[in-house]
Amino acid sequence: MNKTKRVWLPNLQKVRVITSEGARRVKVCTQCIKSGKIIKHAV
């Protein structure tokens, strides 16, 4: 019984992240940034 066809999208931000290959620019959700699931790279 959906009233509208509204789609809920995640809040994605482009962030420089430390990965196994080195620092990369990745789209990450804000909840992952807040919870500390990713390690941000300092410029």
N, C-alpha and C. Protein backbone atom coordinates (compact mmCIF):
# COMPACT_ATOMS: atom_id res chain seq x y z
N MET A 1 0.83 -1.19 0.00
CA MET A 1 0.00 0.00 0.00
C MET A 1 0.88 1.26 0.00
N ASN A 2 1.82 1.34 -0.92
CA ASN A 2 2.68 2.52 -1.00
C ASN A 2 1.89 3.70 -1.56
N LYS A 3 1.95 4.82 -0.86
CA LYS A 3 1.21 6.01 -1.28
C LYS A 3 1.92 6.74 -2.42
N THR A 4 3.26 6.80 -2.34
CA THR A 4 4.03 7.50 -3.38
C THR A 4 5.17 6.60 -3.84
N LYS A 5 5.82 7.01 -4.91
CA LYS A 5 6.96 6.26 -5.42
C LYS A 5 8.27 6.93 -5.02
N ARG A 6 8.29 7.56 -3.85
CA ARG A 6 9.48 8.25 -3.37
C ARG A 6 10.57 7.23 -3.06
N VAL A 7 11.80 7.56 -3.45
CA VAL A 7 12.94 6.68 -3.21
C VAL A 7 13.83 7.35 -2.17
N TRP A 8 14.24 6.61 -1.15
CA TRP A 8 15.11 7.13 -0.10
C TRP A 8 16.55 6.77 -0.46
N LEU A 9 17.34 7.80 -0.77
CA LEU A 9 18.74 7.58 -1.15
C LEU A 9 19.66 7.85 0.03
N PRO A 10 20.80 7.14 0.10
CA PRO A 10 21.75 7.40 1.18
C PRO A 10 22.45 8.73 0.99
N ASN A 11 22.91 9.32 2.09
CA ASN A 11 23.64 10.59 2.06
C ASN A 11 25.11 10.28 1.81
N LEU A 12 25.52 10.32 0.53
CA LEU A 12 26.89 9.98 0.15
C LEU A 12 27.75 11.22 0.03
N GLN A 13 28.99 11.12 0.49
CA GLN A 13 29.97 12.21 0.41
C GLN A 13 31.24 11.65 -0.20
N LYS A 14 31.94 12.48 -1.00
CA LYS A 14 33.24 12.08 -1.54
C LYS A 14 34.30 12.39 -0.49
N VAL A 15 35.03 11.34 -0.07
CA VAL A 15 36.01 11.49 0.99
C VAL A 15 37.30 10.78 0.58
N ARG A 16 38.45 11.37 0.97
CA ARG A 16 39.72 10.68 0.76
C ARG A 16 39.88 9.66 1.88
N VAL A 17 40.02 8.37 1.49
CA VAL A 17 40.04 7.26 2.44
C VAL A 17 41.34 6.49 2.27
N ILE A 18 41.88 6.00 3.38
CA ILE A 18 43.07 5.14 3.32
C ILE A 18 42.60 3.71 3.04
N THR A 19 43.10 3.13 1.93
CA THR A 19 42.79 1.74 1.58
C THR A 19 44.09 0.95 1.48
N SER A 20 43.99 -0.30 1.11
CA SER A 20 45.18 -1.14 0.98
C SER A 20 46.09 -0.65 -0.16
N GLU A 21 45.51 -0.01 -1.19
CA GLU A 21 46.31 0.52 -2.30
C GLU A 21 46.90 1.89 -1.98
N GLY A 22 46.40 2.55 -0.94
CA GLY A 22 46.83 3.91 -0.60
C GLY A 22 45.61 4.79 -0.42
N ALA A 23 45.82 6.10 -0.54
CA ALA A 23 44.71 7.05 -0.37
C ALA A 23 43.90 7.11 -1.66
N ARG A 24 42.58 7.00 -1.54
CA ARG A 24 41.68 7.07 -2.69
C ARG A 24 40.50 7.95 -2.34
N ARG A 25 39.87 8.51 -3.35
CA ARG A 25 38.64 9.29 -3.17
C ARG A 25 37.47 8.34 -3.40
N VAL A 26 36.63 8.17 -2.37
CA VAL A 26 35.55 7.18 -2.41
C VAL A 26 34.27 7.85 -1.95
N LYS A 27 33.13 7.41 -2.51
CA LYS A 27 31.83 7.87 -2.02
C LYS A 27 31.45 7.02 -0.82
N VAL A 28 31.23 7.70 0.33
CA VAL A 28 30.95 7.02 1.58
C VAL A 28 29.71 7.65 2.21
N CYS A 29 28.88 6.83 2.84
CA CYS A 29 27.69 7.36 3.51
C CYS A 29 28.12 8.07 4.80
N THR A 30 27.35 9.07 5.20
CA THR A 30 27.70 9.88 6.37
C THR A 30 27.63 9.05 7.65
N GLN A 31 26.77 8.05 7.70
CA GLN A 31 26.70 7.21 8.90
C GLN A 31 27.99 6.41 9.08
N CYS A 32 28.62 5.99 7.97
CA CYS A 32 29.89 5.26 8.06
C CYS A 32 31.00 6.19 8.54
N ILE A 33 30.98 7.44 8.11
CA ILE A 33 31.98 8.41 8.53
C ILE A 33 31.82 8.68 10.03
N LYS A 34 30.59 8.88 10.49
CA LYS A 34 30.33 9.17 11.90
C LYS A 34 30.72 8.01 12.80
N SER A 35 30.41 6.78 12.38
CA SER A 35 30.65 5.62 13.24
C SER A 35 32.11 5.20 13.25
N GLY A 36 32.93 5.74 12.33
CA GLY A 36 34.34 5.39 12.31
C GLY A 36 34.65 4.11 11.56
N LYS A 37 33.75 3.69 10.67
CA LYS A 37 33.98 2.47 9.89
C LYS A 37 35.07 2.67 8.84
N ILE A 38 35.33 3.91 8.47
CA ILE A 38 36.38 4.22 7.49
C ILE A 38 37.41 5.11 8.15
N ILE A 39 38.65 5.07 7.61
CA ILE A 39 39.73 5.91 8.13
C ILE A 39 39.98 7.01 7.12
N LYS A 40 39.71 8.26 7.52
CA LYS A 40 39.89 9.38 6.61
C LYS A 40 41.37 9.70 6.48
N HIS A 41 41.75 10.17 5.28
CA HIS A 41 43.13 10.52 4.99
C HIS A 41 43.29 12.02 5.14
N ALA A 42 44.27 12.45 5.92
CA ALA A 42 44.53 13.89 6.10
C ALA A 42 45.29 14.40 4.88
N VAL A 43 44.89 15.57 4.40
CA VAL A 43 45.52 16.14 3.20
C VAL A 43 46.86 16.71 3.52
